[in-house]
C-alpha atoms as a PDB file:
ATOM      1  CA  MET A   1      99.267  51.680 110.879  1.00  0.00           C
ATOM      2  CA  TRP A   2     101.190  53.982 108.586  1.00  0.00           C
ATOM      3  CA  LEU A   3      99.414  52.764 105.468  1.00  0.00           C
ATOM      4  CA  LEU A   4      96.092  53.530 107.115  1.00  0.00           C
ATOM      5  CA  LEU A   5      97.076  57.004 108.283  1.00  0.00           C
ATOM      6  CA  ALA A   6      98.831  58.221 105.160  1.00  0.00           C
ATOM      7  CA  PRO A   7      95.712  58.869 103.116  1.00  0.00           C
ATOM      8  CA  ALA A   8      94.182  60.921 105.915  1.00  0.00           C
ATOM      9  CA  TYR A   9      97.230  63.208 105.989  1.00  0.00           C
ATOM     10  CA  ALA A  10      97.154  63.459 102.220  1.00  0.00           C
ATOM     11  CA  GLN A  11      93.619  64.859 102.362  1.00  0.00           C
ATOM     12  CA  THR A  12      94.542  67.836 104.520  1.00  0.00           C
ATOM     13  CA  PRO A  13      97.310  69.667 102.650  1.00  0.00           C
ATOM     14  CA  GLU A  14      98.460  73.203 103.406  1.00  0.00           C
ATOM     15  CA  ALA A  15      95.870  75.540 101.910  1.00  0.00           C
ATOM     16  CA  SER A  16      97.005  77.191  98.658  1.00  0.00           C
ATOM     17  CA  THR A  17      93.532  78.485  97.670  1.00  0.00           C
ATOM     18  CA  THR A  18      90.205  79.005  99.388  1.00  0.00           C
ATOM     19  CA  LEU A  19      86.677  80.145  98.514  1.00  0.00           C
ATOM     20  CA  LEU A  20      85.663  83.790  99.066  1.00  0.00           C
ATOM     21  CA  THR A  21      81.937  84.620  99.129  1.00  0.00           C
ATOM     22  CA  ASN A  22      80.625  87.962  97.896  1.00  0.00           C
ATOM     23  CA  GLN A  23      77.175  89.504  97.969  1.00  0.00           C
ATOM     24  CA  GLU A  24      76.610  92.810  96.187  1.00  0.00           C
ATOM     25  CA  GLY A  25      73.953  95.122  97.489  1.00  0.00           C
ATOM     26  CA  TYR A  26      71.422  94.770 100.295  1.00  0.00           C
ATOM     27  CA  ALA A  27      69.658  91.694 101.626  1.00  0.00           C
ATOM     28  CA  ASN A  28      66.085  93.071 101.764  1.00  0.00           C
ATOM     29  CA  SER A  29      64.048  95.461  99.650  1.00  0.00           C
ATOM     30  CA  GLU A  30      63.709  98.215 102.293  1.00  0.00           C
ATOM     31  CA  ALA A  31      67.459  98.437 102.775  1.00  0.00           C
ATOM     32  CA  LYS A  32      68.003  98.327  98.981  1.00  0.00           C
ATOM     33  CA  GLU A  33      65.594 101.189  98.578  1.00  0.00           C
ATOM     34  CA  MET A  34      67.357 103.243 101.253  1.00  0.00           C
ATOM     35  CA  GLY A  35      70.773 102.515  99.728  1.00  0.00           C
ATOM     36  CA  SER A  36      69.463 103.727  96.335  1.00  0.00           C
ATOM     37  CA  VAL A  37      68.010 106.933  97.854  1.00  0.00           C
ATOM     38  CA  LEU A  38      71.271 107.697  99.683  1.00  0.00           C
ATOM     39  CA  GLY A  39      73.517 106.607  96.828  1.00  0.00           C
ATOM     40  CA  VAL A  40      75.384 104.036  98.987  1.00  0.00           C
ATOM     41  CA  GLU A  41      76.876 100.869  97.451  1.00  0.00           C
ATOM     42  CA  LYS A  42      77.512  97.824  99.517  1.00  0.00           C
ATOM     43  CA  GLN A  43      79.758  94.805  99.149  1.00  0.00           C
ATOM     44  CA  HIS A  44      79.651  91.907 101.646  1.00  0.00           C
ATOM     45  CA  PHE A  45      82.459  89.325 101.952  1.00  0.00           C
ATOM     46  CA  GLU A  46      82.778  86.059 103.863  1.00  0.00           C
ATOM     47  CA  LEU A  47      85.575  83.497 104.376  1.00  0.00           C
ATOM     48  CA  SER A  48      85.013  80.131 106.044  1.00  0.00           C
ATOM     49  CA  ASP A  49      87.884  77.630 105.996  1.00  0.00           C
ATOM     50  CA  PRO A  50      89.011  75.748 109.180  1.00  0.00           C
ATOM     51  CA  ARG A  51      92.522  75.422 107.651  1.00  0.00           C
ATOM     52  CA  LEU A  52      92.884  79.190 107.918  1.00  0.00           C
ATOM     53  CA  ALA A  53      91.967  79.555 111.571  1.00  0.00           C
ATOM     54  CA  GLY A  54      93.682  82.601 113.155  1.00  0.00           C
ATOM     55  CA  ARG A  55      95.235  83.802 109.904  1.00  0.00           C
ATOM     56  CA  VAL A  56      95.718  87.562 109.601  1.00  0.00           C
ATOM     57  CA  LEU A  57      94.197  89.260 106.563  1.00  0.00           C
ATOM     58  CA  HIS A  58      96.357  92.059 105.129  1.00  0.00           C
ATOM     59  CA  LEU A  59      94.436  94.650 103.104  1.00  0.00           C
ATOM     60  CA  THR A  60      96.199  97.392 101.107  1.00  0.00           C
ATOM     61  CA  TYR A  61      95.021 100.081  98.699  1.00  0.00           C
ATOM     62  CA  GLN A  62      96.606 101.908  95.779  1.00  0.00           C
ATOM     63  CA  GLU A  63      95.212 104.936  93.983  1.00  0.00           C
ATOM     64  CA  PHE A  64      95.773 105.495  90.251  1.00  0.00           C
ATOM     65  CA  ARG A  65      95.350 109.072  88.914  1.00  0.00           C
ATOM     66  CA  GLU A  66      95.841 109.836  85.219  1.00  0.00           C
ATOM     67  CA  GLY A  67      97.756 106.600  84.813  1.00  0.00           C
ATOM     68  CA  VAL A  68     100.127 107.377  87.671  1.00  0.00           C
ATOM     69  CA  ALA A  69     100.199 104.856  90.520  1.00  0.00           C
ATOM     70  CA  GLN A  70     100.397 106.348  93.989  1.00  0.00           C
ATOM     71  CA  PRO A  71     102.321 104.463  96.680  1.00  0.00           C
ATOM     72  CA  GLU A  72     100.527 101.297  97.899  1.00  0.00           C
ATOM     73  CA  GLN A  73      99.473 101.657 101.563  1.00  0.00           C
ATOM     74  CA  ASP A  74      98.214  99.545 104.442  1.00  0.00           C
ATOM     75  CA  LEU A  75      94.513 100.127 105.035  1.00  0.00           C
ATOM     76  CA  LEU A  76      94.695  99.550 108.807  1.00  0.00           C
ATOM     77  CA  GLY A  77      98.291 100.539 109.510  1.00  0.00           C
ATOM     78  CA  LYS A  78      99.293  99.605 113.110  1.00  0.00           C
ATOM     79  CA  ASP A  79      95.905  97.942 113.621  1.00  0.00           C
ATOM     80  CA  ARG A  80      96.321  95.438 110.780  1.00  0.00           C
ATOM     81  CA  ASN A  81      96.600  92.415 113.118  1.00  0.00           C
ATOM     82  CA  ARG A  82      93.026  93.086 114.265  1.00  0.00           C
ATOM     83  CA  PHE A  83      91.729  91.886 110.926  1.00  0.00           C
ATOM     84  CA  GLN A  84      91.880  88.085 111.044  1.00  0.00           C
ATOM     85  CA  LEU A  85      89.934  84.887 110.817  1.00  0.00           C
ATOM     86  CA  ASP A  86      88.534  83.460 114.053  1.00  0.00           C
ATOM     87  CA  SER A  87      89.385  80.158 115.668  1.00  0.00           C
ATOM     88  CA  ALA A  88      87.036  78.380 113.293  1.00  0.00           C
ATOM     89  CA  GLY A  89      88.530  80.020 110.223  1.00  0.00           C
ATOM     90  CA  ARG A  90      85.676  82.416 109.639  1.00  0.00           C
ATOM     91  CA  VAL A  91      85.355  86.135 109.029  1.00  0.00           C
ATOM     92  CA  ALA A  92      82.655  88.387 107.472  1.00  0.00           C
ATOM     93  CA  PHE A  93      82.890  92.130 106.692  1.00  0.00           C
ATOM     94  CA  ASN A  94      81.112  94.847 104.782  1.00  0.00           C
ATOM     95  CA  VAL A  95      82.353  97.735 102.553  1.00  0.00           C
ATOM     96  CA  TYR A  96      80.277 100.763 101.637  1.00  0.00           C
ATOM     97  CA  ALA A  97      81.049 103.501  99.127  1.00  0.00           C
ATOM     98  CA  ARG A  98      79.326 106.747  98.098  1.00  0.00           C
ATOM     99  CA  ALA A  99      79.811 110.149  96.622  1.00  0.00           C
ATOM    100  CA  ALA A 100      79.538 112.156  99.871  1.00  0.00           C
ATOM    101  CA  THR A 101      79.659 115.419  97.952  1.00  0.00           C
ATOM    102  CA  ASP A 102      80.507 116.485  94.448  1.00  0.00           C
ATOM    103  CA  THR A 103      84.132 116.816  95.581  1.00  0.00           C
ATOM    104  CA  ARG A 104      84.499 114.002  98.080  1.00  0.00           C
ATOM    105  CA  LEU A 105      84.307 110.211  97.705  1.00  0.00           C
ATOM    106  CA  GLU A 106      83.915 108.061 100.827  1.00  0.00           C
ATOM    107  CA  VAL A 107      84.623 104.367 101.404  1.00  0.00           C
ATOM    108  CA  ARG A 108      83.917 102.617 104.762  1.00  0.00           C
ATOM    109  CA  PHE A 109      85.039  99.203 105.946  1.00  0.00           C
ATOM    110  CA  PHE A 110      83.384  97.427 108.776  1.00  0.00           C
ATOM    111  CA  PHE A 111      85.386  94.481 110.134  1.00  0.00           C
ATOM    112  CA  PRO A 112      84.514  92.346 113.221  1.00  0.00           C
ATOM    113  CA  THR A 113      86.597  94.368 115.603  1.00  0.00           C
ATOM    114  CA  ILE A 114      87.438  97.619 113.812  1.00  0.00           C
ATOM    115  CA  GLY A 115      86.218 100.015 111.191  1.00  0.00           C
ATOM    116  CA  LYS A 116      87.972 102.291 108.691  1.00  0.00           C
ATOM    117  CA  ARG A 117      86.765 105.346 106.843  1.00  0.00           C
ATOM    118  CA  GLN A 118      88.531 106.703 103.786  1.00  0.00           C
ATOM    119  CA  GLN A 119      88.060 109.767 101.621  1.00  0.00           C
ATOM    120  CA  PHE A 120      89.274 110.552  98.117  1.00  0.00           C
ATOM    121  CA  GLN A 121      88.899 113.489  95.795  1.00  0.00           C
ATOM    122  CA  PRO A 122      87.382 112.764  92.392  1.00  0.00           C
ATOM    123  CA  LEU A 123      89.383 114.076  89.469  1.00  0.00           C
ATOM    124  CA  PRO A 124      88.518 117.621  88.270  1.00  0.00           C
ATOM    125  CA  GLY A 125      85.713 117.377  85.778  1.00  0.00           C
ATOM    126  CA  ALA A 126      84.691 113.878  86.852  1.00  0.00           C
ATOM    127  CA  VAL A 127      81.196 113.199  88.166  1.00  0.00           C
ATOM    128  CA  ALA A 128      81.503 111.894  91.694  1.00  0.00           C
ATOM    129  CA  ALA A 129      78.340 109.797  91.320  1.00  0.00           C
ATOM    130  CA  ASP A 130      79.834 107.930  88.390  1.00  0.00           C
ATOM    131  CA  TYR A 131      82.335 106.121  90.632  1.00  0.00           C
ATOM    132  CA  SER A 132      81.392 102.551  91.451  1.00  0.00           C
ATOM    133  CA  LEU A 133      82.559  99.998  94.025  1.00  0.00           C
ATOM    134  CA  ARG A 134      83.228  96.743  92.107  1.00  0.00           C
ATOM    135  CA  ALA A 135      83.946  93.220  93.422  1.00  0.00           C
ATOM    136  CA  ASP A 136      83.512  91.471  90.050  1.00  0.00           C
ATOM    137  CA  ILE A 137      87.260  91.942  89.380  1.00  0.00           C
ATOM    138  CA  GLN A 138      87.270  88.374  90.735  1.00  0.00           C
ATOM    139  CA  ALA A 139      85.455  85.617  88.791  1.00  0.00           C
ATOM    140  CA  TYR A 140      82.495  84.824  91.081  1.00  0.00           C
ATOM    141  CA  LYS A 141      80.228  81.932  90.265  1.00  0.00           C
ATOM    142  CA  LYS A 142      77.120  81.679  92.461  1.00  0.00           C
ATOM    143  CA  GLN A 143      78.751  84.399  94.701  1.00  0.00           C
ATOM    144  CA  LYS A 144      81.931  82.353  95.266  1.00  0.00           C
ATOM    145  CA  ALA A 145      85.398  82.870  93.877  1.00  0.00           C
ATOM    146  CA  THR A 146      88.616  80.796  94.283  1.00  0.00           C
ATOM    147  CA  VAL A 147      91.377  83.058  95.697  1.00  0.00           C
ATOM    148  CA  PRO A 148      94.983  82.346  96.686  1.00  0.00           C
ATOM    149  CA  VAL A 149      96.312  81.896 100.167  1.00  0.00           C
ATOM    150  CA  GLY A 150      99.632  83.689 100.950  1.00  0.00           C
ATOM    151  CA  ARG A 151      99.575  85.745  97.791  1.00  0.00           C
ATOM    152  CA  LYS A 152      98.053  89.185  97.103  1.00  0.00           C
ATOM    153  CA  PHE A 153      94.923  89.384  94.967  1.00  0.00           C
ATOM    154  CA  PRO A 154      92.560  92.244  93.965  1.00  0.00           C
ATOM    155  CA  LEU A 155      89.492  92.323  96.198  1.00  0.00           C
ATOM    156  CA  LEU A 156      87.785  95.539  95.128  1.00  0.00           C
ATOM    157  CA  VAL A 157      88.048  98.504  92.832  1.00  0.00           C
ATOM    158  CA  TYR A 158      86.446 101.891  93.272  1.00  0.00           C
ATOM    159  CA  THR A 159      86.506 103.286  89.808  1.00  0.00           C
ATOM    160  CA  LEU A 160      85.181 105.562  87.108  1.00  0.00           C
ATOM    161  CA  PRO A 161      83.575 103.612  84.246  1.00  0.00           C
ATOM    162  CA  TYR A 162      84.829 102.820  80.841  1.00  0.00           C
ATOM    163  CA  VAL A 163      83.089 105.224  78.458  1.00  0.00           C
ATOM    164  CA  LYS A 164      82.293 104.194  74.911  1.00  0.00           C
ATOM    165  CA  ASP A 165      79.825 105.735  72.434  1.00  0.00           C
ATOM    166  CA  GLY A 166      78.329 107.781  75.240  1.00  0.00           C
ATOM    167  CA  PHE A 167      77.595 104.728  77.478  1.00  0.00           C
ATOM    168  CA  LEU A 168      79.151 103.893  80.849  1.00  0.00           C
ATOM    169  CA  TYR A 169      80.554 100.381  81.206  1.00  0.00           C
ATOM    170  CA  TYR A 170      81.426  98.953  84.628  1.00  0.00           C
ATOM    171  CA  CYS A 171      81.097  95.096  84.274  1.00  0.00           C
ATOM    172  CA  ASP A 172      83.094  95.028  81.029  1.00  0.00           C
ATOM    173  CA  LEU A 173      85.866  96.963  82.739  1.00  0.00           C
ATOM    174  CA  ALA A 174      86.094  94.934  85.990  1.00  0.00           C
ATOM    175  CA  GLN A 175      85.721  91.586  84.195  1.00  0.00           C
ATOM    176  CA  SER A 176      88.159  92.426  81.352  1.00  0.00           C
ATOM    177  CA  LYS A 177      91.031  90.460  83.038  1.00  0.00           C
ATOM    178  CA  VAL A 178      93.271  93.404  82.154  1.00  0.00           C
ATOM    179  CA  PRO A 179      95.398  94.228  85.231  1.00  0.00           C
ATOM    180  CA  PRO A 180      94.161  97.525  86.864  1.00  0.00           C
ATOM    181  CA  ALA A 181      97.625  99.063  86.403  1.00  0.00           C
ATOM    182  CA  GLU A 182      96.970  98.943  82.687  1.00  0.00           C
ATOM    183  CA  TRP A 183      93.429 100.409  82.720  1.00  0.00           C
ATOM    184  CA  PHE A 184      94.553 103.949  81.884  1.00  0.00           C
ATOM    185  CA  LYS A 185      96.487 102.808  78.846  1.00  0.00           C
ATOM    186  CA  LYS A 186      93.935 100.285  77.665  1.00  0.00           C
ATOM    187  CA  PHE A 187      90.612 101.935  78.532  1.00  0.00           C
ATOM    188  CA  GLY A 188      91.466 105.526  79.426  1.00  0.00           C
ATOM    189  CA  ILE A 189      90.292 105.109  83.037  1.00  0.00           C
ATOM    190  CA  ARG A 190      91.670 108.319  84.610  1.00  0.00           C
ATOM    191  CA  HIS A 191      91.023 107.537  88.304  1.00  0.00           C
ATOM    192  CA  PHE A 192      90.429 104.503  90.416  1.00  0.00           C
ATOM    193  CA  VAL A 193      91.463 102.802  93.694  1.00  0.00           C
ATOM    194  CA  VAL A 194      92.440  99.133  93.935  1.00  0.00           C
ATOM    195  CA  TYR A 195      92.103  97.197  97.192  1.00  0.00           C
ATOM    196  CA  GLN A 196      94.211  94.111  97.470  1.00  0.00           C
ATOM    197  CA  LEU A 197      93.949  91.322 100.101  1.00  0.00           C
ATOM    198  CA  THR A 198      96.555  88.797 101.330  1.00  0.00           C
ATOM    199  CA  ILE A 199      95.551  85.878 103.447  1.00  0.00           C
ATOM    200  CA  GLU A 200      98.772  85.574 105.362  1.00  0.00           C
END
């Protein structure tokens, strides 16, 4: 009996990684047009892994201004336990970002049971509309990325672009594999916010 059961146990190890799904933008042309008119970016995320049923998702953020890291903070604070996978190991959520005014940036998170609104001030002299919400800091292939379980990883960045020869570069920055903490030194990125997720 042991010989028959052993392979079955071997096939269900404790999860050390899982797949995260990301979809950038809007699902239909009308919503895409409206988002463009209003200047609202959207990132959609999904996790589906029965091994992770009931796990809490811990989301933090850290702002970097002129190369100086501000203290890392919990996004949800005392409500952090309300952001978790359901009994089937599934969760889906949306994140929106926009330049609300020339002097105010806004990021909104919509989780299954709670929402969160954040505001930041762009740097003096920076164009608020130049900030972009990027998920491609992870290496997605066909909208899926392998991410760790039990260890913090960068989920999103809300950032100014890398400027070279008068052109604005976003993809090259997010996909550079340079840790965000080094972006100021390496690329001269004066202001950005990093959101990091831990599947606990």
